[in-house]
């Protein structure tokens, strides 16, 4: 019976290591990103996952989109999930 436990112990330890080194940090990042995207409001400076910088001109909670105004004055509509980060205005 003791050798059976010793055979499964490395698998249990490997799962624990994977959880603390890979799974848990990824869940934390996903939660932070979701909170950031949920907190976006008009006037925030944001960066999309494609690298576009813009000012939030409108937020449409109904279909989960935002309208960004770029420096040349054009307006583009993005899904909230396309926002990578918010920046402070300079």
N, C-alpha and C. Protein backbone atom coordinates (compact mmCIF):
# COMPACT_ATOMS: atom_id res chain seq x y z
N UNK A 1 0.82 -1.19 0.00
CA UNK A 1 0.00 0.00 0.00
C UNK A 1 0.86 1.25 0.00
N UNK A 2 1.97 1.24 0.69
CA UNK A 2 2.87 2.38 0.76
C UNK A 2 3.52 2.68 -0.59
N UNK A 3 3.82 1.63 -1.38
CA UNK A 3 4.47 1.86 -2.67
C UNK A 3 3.48 2.48 -3.67
N UNK A 4 2.20 2.19 -3.52
CA UNK A 4 1.18 2.80 -4.39
C UNK A 4 1.10 4.30 -4.18
N UNK A 5 1.16 4.71 -2.92
CA UNK A 5 1.14 6.13 -2.58
C UNK A 5 2.41 6.81 -3.06
N UNK A 6 3.53 6.11 -2.95
CA UNK A 6 4.80 6.68 -3.41
C UNK A 6 4.82 6.83 -4.92
N UNK A 7 4.07 6.02 -5.63
CA UNK A 7 4.02 6.12 -7.09
C UNK A 7 3.18 7.30 -7.56
N UNK A 8 2.15 7.66 -6.80
CA UNK A 8 1.27 8.76 -7.20
C UNK A 8 1.72 10.11 -6.62
N UNK A 9 2.58 10.07 -5.61
CA UNK A 9 3.05 11.29 -4.96
C UNK A 9 3.75 12.26 -5.93
N UNK A 10 4.62 11.79 -6.83
CA UNK A 10 5.23 12.73 -7.78
C UNK A 10 4.20 13.43 -8.67
N UNK A 11 3.15 12.73 -9.05
CA UNK A 11 2.10 13.35 -9.87
C UNK A 11 1.37 14.45 -9.09
N UNK A 12 1.10 14.17 -7.84
CA UNK A 12 0.42 15.16 -6.99
C UNK A 12 1.31 16.38 -6.81
N UNK A 13 2.59 16.17 -6.54
CA UNK A 13 3.52 17.28 -6.38
C UNK A 13 3.66 18.09 -7.68
N UNK A 14 3.68 17.40 -8.82
CA UNK A 14 3.78 18.09 -10.10
C UNK A 14 2.54 18.96 -10.35
N UNK A 15 1.36 18.46 -10.01
CA UNK A 15 0.14 19.24 -10.16
C UNK A 15 0.17 20.48 -9.27
N UNK A 16 0.65 20.32 -8.04
CA UNK A 16 0.72 21.46 -7.11
C UNK A 16 1.68 22.52 -7.66
N UNK A 17 2.81 22.09 -8.18
CA UNK A 17 3.78 23.04 -8.76
C UNK A 17 3.17 23.75 -9.96
N UNK A 18 2.52 23.01 -10.86
CA UNK A 18 1.88 23.63 -12.02
C UNK A 18 0.81 24.63 -11.58
N UNK A 19 0.06 24.29 -10.57
CA UNK A 19 -1.00 25.18 -10.10
C UNK A 19 -0.42 26.51 -9.64
N UNK A 20 0.61 26.46 -8.80
CA UNK A 20 1.15 27.70 -8.25
C UNK A 20 2.03 28.47 -9.23
N UNK A 21 2.64 27.80 -10.20
CA UNK A 21 3.50 28.50 -11.15
C UNK A 21 2.81 28.91 -12.44
N UNK A 22 1.77 28.20 -12.85
CA UNK A 22 1.13 28.48 -14.12
C UNK A 22 -0.35 28.86 -14.02
N UNK A 23 -1.13 28.03 -13.39
CA UNK A 23 -2.58 28.20 -13.40
C UNK A 23 -3.01 29.40 -12.57
N UNK A 24 -2.56 29.48 -11.35
CA UNK A 24 -2.98 30.56 -10.44
C UNK A 24 -2.59 31.95 -10.97
N UNK A 25 -1.35 32.18 -11.42
CA UNK A 25 -1.00 33.50 -11.96
C UNK A 25 -1.83 33.87 -13.21
N UNK A 26 -2.13 32.88 -14.05
CA UNK A 26 -2.94 33.16 -15.24
C UNK A 26 -4.35 33.56 -14.85
N UNK A 27 -4.93 32.89 -13.87
CA UNK A 27 -6.28 33.26 -13.40
C UNK A 27 -6.28 34.67 -12.82
N UNK A 28 -5.21 35.01 -12.11
CA UNK A 28 -5.08 36.35 -11.53
C UNK A 28 -5.03 37.41 -12.62
N UNK A 29 -4.24 37.17 -13.67
CA UNK A 29 -4.14 38.11 -14.79
C UNK A 29 -5.48 38.27 -15.50
N UNK A 30 -6.18 37.16 -15.71
CA UNK A 30 -7.48 37.22 -16.37
C UNK A 30 -8.48 38.03 -15.55
N UNK A 31 -8.46 37.87 -14.24
CA UNK A 31 -9.36 38.62 -13.37
C UNK A 31 -9.03 40.11 -13.41
N UNK A 32 -7.74 40.45 -13.37
CA UNK A 32 -7.32 41.85 -13.44
C UNK A 32 -7.74 42.48 -14.76
N UNK A 33 -7.56 41.75 -15.86
CA UNK A 33 -7.93 42.26 -17.18
C UNK A 33 -9.44 42.46 -17.27
N UNK A 34 -10.21 41.51 -16.77
CA UNK A 34 -11.67 41.63 -16.80
C UNK A 34 -12.14 42.82 -15.97
N UNK A 35 -11.52 43.04 -14.81
CA UNK A 35 -11.88 44.20 -13.98
C UNK A 35 -11.53 45.50 -14.68
N UNK A 36 -10.36 45.55 -15.32
CA UNK A 36 -9.95 46.74 -16.05
C UNK A 36 -10.91 47.04 -17.19
N UNK A 37 -11.28 46.01 -17.96
CA UNK A 37 -12.18 46.20 -19.08
C UNK A 37 -13.57 46.59 -18.62
N UNK A 38 -14.02 46.08 -17.49
CA UNK A 38 -15.34 46.43 -16.97
C UNK A 38 -15.36 47.88 -16.45
N UNK A 39 -14.20 48.39 -16.03
CA UNK A 39 -14.13 49.72 -15.47
C UNK A 39 -13.84 50.83 -16.47
N UNK A 40 -13.77 50.50 -17.74
CA UNK A 40 -13.48 51.51 -18.77
C UNK A 40 -14.66 52.49 -18.86
N UNK A 41 -14.32 53.77 -18.88
CA UNK A 41 -15.36 54.79 -19.00
C UNK A 41 -14.91 55.88 -19.98
N UNK A 42 -15.85 56.71 -20.37
CA UNK A 42 -15.58 57.79 -21.31
C UNK A 42 -14.46 58.68 -20.76
N UNK A 43 -13.51 59.02 -21.63
CA UNK A 43 -12.40 59.87 -21.24
C UNK A 43 -11.13 59.12 -20.88
N UNK A 44 -11.21 57.78 -20.74
CA UNK A 44 -10.02 56.99 -20.43
C UNK A 44 -9.14 56.87 -21.67
N UNK A 45 -7.83 56.88 -21.44
CA UNK A 45 -6.87 56.64 -22.51
C UNK A 45 -6.57 55.15 -22.49
N UNK A 46 -6.71 54.46 -23.63
CA UNK A 46 -6.53 53.01 -23.67
C UNK A 46 -5.62 52.60 -24.81
N UNK A 47 -5.12 51.36 -24.73
CA UNK A 47 -4.33 50.75 -25.78
C UNK A 47 -5.00 49.42 -26.13
N UNK A 48 -5.21 49.19 -27.43
CA UNK A 48 -5.83 47.94 -27.86
C UNK A 48 -4.78 46.84 -27.96
N UNK A 49 -5.23 45.60 -28.14
CA UNK A 49 -4.30 44.49 -28.28
C UNK A 49 -3.47 44.62 -29.56
N UNK A 50 -3.94 45.42 -30.51
CA UNK A 50 -3.20 45.67 -31.75
C UNK A 50 -2.24 46.84 -31.63
N UNK A 51 -2.22 47.51 -30.47
CA UNK A 51 -1.29 48.61 -30.26
C UNK A 51 -1.85 49.99 -30.57
N UNK A 52 -3.12 50.11 -30.91
CA UNK A 52 -3.72 51.40 -31.20
C UNK A 52 -3.99 52.15 -29.90
N UNK A 53 -3.55 53.41 -29.84
CA UNK A 53 -3.79 54.25 -28.68
C UNK A 53 -4.96 55.16 -29.00
N UNK A 54 -5.87 55.32 -28.04
CA UNK A 54 -7.02 56.18 -28.28
C UNK A 54 -7.70 56.60 -27.00
N UNK A 55 -8.58 57.56 -27.14
CA UNK A 55 -9.37 58.08 -26.04
C UNK A 55 -10.77 57.51 -26.15
N UNK A 56 -11.30 56.99 -25.06
CA UNK A 56 -12.65 56.40 -25.08
C UNK A 56 -13.65 57.53 -25.26
N UNK A 57 -14.41 57.46 -26.36
CA UNK A 57 -15.41 58.48 -26.68
C UNK A 57 -16.80 58.05 -26.23
N UNK A 58 -17.05 56.74 -26.26
CA UNK A 58 -18.36 56.22 -25.84
C UNK A 58 -18.22 54.76 -25.43
N UNK A 59 -19.06 54.36 -24.48
CA UNK A 59 -19.09 52.98 -24.01
C UNK A 59 -20.51 52.47 -24.20
N UNK A 60 -20.66 51.36 -24.92
CA UNK A 60 -21.96 50.75 -25.13
C UNK A 60 -22.00 49.43 -24.38
N UNK A 61 -22.60 49.45 -23.19
CA UNK A 61 -22.68 48.24 -22.36
C UNK A 61 -23.60 47.19 -22.97
N UNK A 62 -24.55 47.64 -23.77
CA UNK A 62 -25.54 46.74 -24.36
C UNK A 62 -24.90 45.68 -25.25
N UNK A 63 -23.97 46.11 -26.12
CA UNK A 63 -23.32 45.14 -27.00
C UNK A 63 -21.83 44.99 -26.70
N UNK A 64 -21.40 45.50 -25.53
CA UNK A 64 -20.04 45.31 -25.04
C UNK A 64 -18.97 45.90 -25.96
N UNK A 65 -19.24 47.10 -26.50
CA UNK A 65 -18.29 47.76 -27.37
C UNK A 65 -17.93 49.14 -26.83
N UNK A 66 -16.82 49.66 -27.32
CA UNK A 66 -16.43 51.03 -26.99
C UNK A 66 -16.04 51.73 -28.28
N UNK A 67 -16.20 53.04 -28.30
CA UNK A 67 -15.78 53.85 -29.43
C UNK A 67 -14.55 54.63 -29.01
N UNK A 68 -13.48 54.49 -29.79
CA UNK A 68 -12.24 55.19 -29.51
C UNK A 68 -12.05 56.33 -30.48
N UNK A 69 -11.55 57.44 -29.96
CA UNK A 69 -11.20 58.59 -30.78
C UNK A 69 -9.68 58.64 -30.83
N UNK A 70 -9.12 58.65 -32.04
CA UNK A 70 -7.67 58.69 -32.20
C UNK A 70 -7.20 60.13 -32.35
N UNK A 71 -5.88 60.32 -32.41
CA UNK A 71 -5.32 61.67 -32.47
C UNK A 71 -5.70 62.42 -33.74
N UNK A 72 -6.00 61.71 -34.82
CA UNK A 72 -6.40 62.41 -36.06
C UNK A 72 -7.90 62.70 -36.09
N UNK A 73 -8.60 62.36 -35.02
CA UNK A 73 -10.02 62.67 -34.91
C UNK A 73 -10.96 61.57 -35.37
N UNK A 74 -10.42 60.51 -35.95
CA UNK A 74 -11.29 59.42 -36.41
C UNK A 74 -11.81 58.63 -35.21
N UNK A 75 -12.96 58.02 -35.42
CA UNK A 75 -13.57 57.20 -34.36
C UNK A 75 -13.68 55.76 -34.84
N UNK A 76 -13.31 54.84 -33.96
CA UNK A 76 -13.37 53.42 -34.29
C UNK A 76 -14.07 52.67 -33.18
N UNK A 77 -14.81 51.64 -33.56
CA UNK A 77 -15.55 50.84 -32.59
C UNK A 77 -14.79 49.53 -32.36
N UNK A 78 -14.59 49.18 -31.07
CA UNK A 78 -13.89 47.96 -30.69
C UNK A 78 -14.71 47.20 -29.66
N UNK A 79 -14.51 45.90 -29.61
CA UNK A 79 -15.04 45.09 -28.52
C UNK A 79 -14.25 45.46 -27.27
N UNK A 80 -14.89 45.42 -26.12
CA UNK A 80 -14.17 45.70 -24.87
C UNK A 80 -13.01 44.72 -24.66
N UNK A 81 -13.19 43.50 -25.12
CA UNK A 81 -12.14 42.49 -24.94
C UNK A 81 -10.89 42.80 -25.76
N UNK A 82 -10.96 43.76 -26.68
CA UNK A 82 -9.80 44.13 -27.49
C UNK A 82 -8.92 45.16 -26.78
N UNK A 83 -9.32 45.60 -25.60
CA UNK A 83 -8.54 46.59 -24.86
C UNK A 83 -7.52 45.86 -23.99
N UNK A 84 -6.25 46.20 -24.19
CA UNK A 84 -5.17 45.56 -23.44
C UNK A 84 -4.90 46.27 -22.12
N UNK A 85 -4.91 47.62 -22.13
CA UNK A 85 -4.59 48.36 -20.92
C UNK A 85 -5.13 49.77 -20.99
N UNK A 86 -5.24 50.37 -19.83
CA UNK A 86 -5.61 51.78 -19.75
C UNK A 86 -4.37 52.55 -19.36
N UNK A 87 -4.28 53.78 -19.84
CA UNK A 87 -3.12 54.63 -19.56
C UNK A 87 -3.61 55.94 -18.95
N UNK A 88 -2.73 56.57 -18.20
CA UNK A 88 -3.07 57.90 -17.69
C UNK A 88 -2.80 58.91 -18.80
N UNK A 89 -3.62 59.93 -18.83
CA UNK A 89 -3.44 60.95 -19.86
C UNK A 89 -2.24 61.80 -19.55
N UNK A 90 -1.46 62.10 -20.58
CA UNK A 90 -0.27 62.93 -20.39
C UNK A 90 -0.51 64.36 -20.81
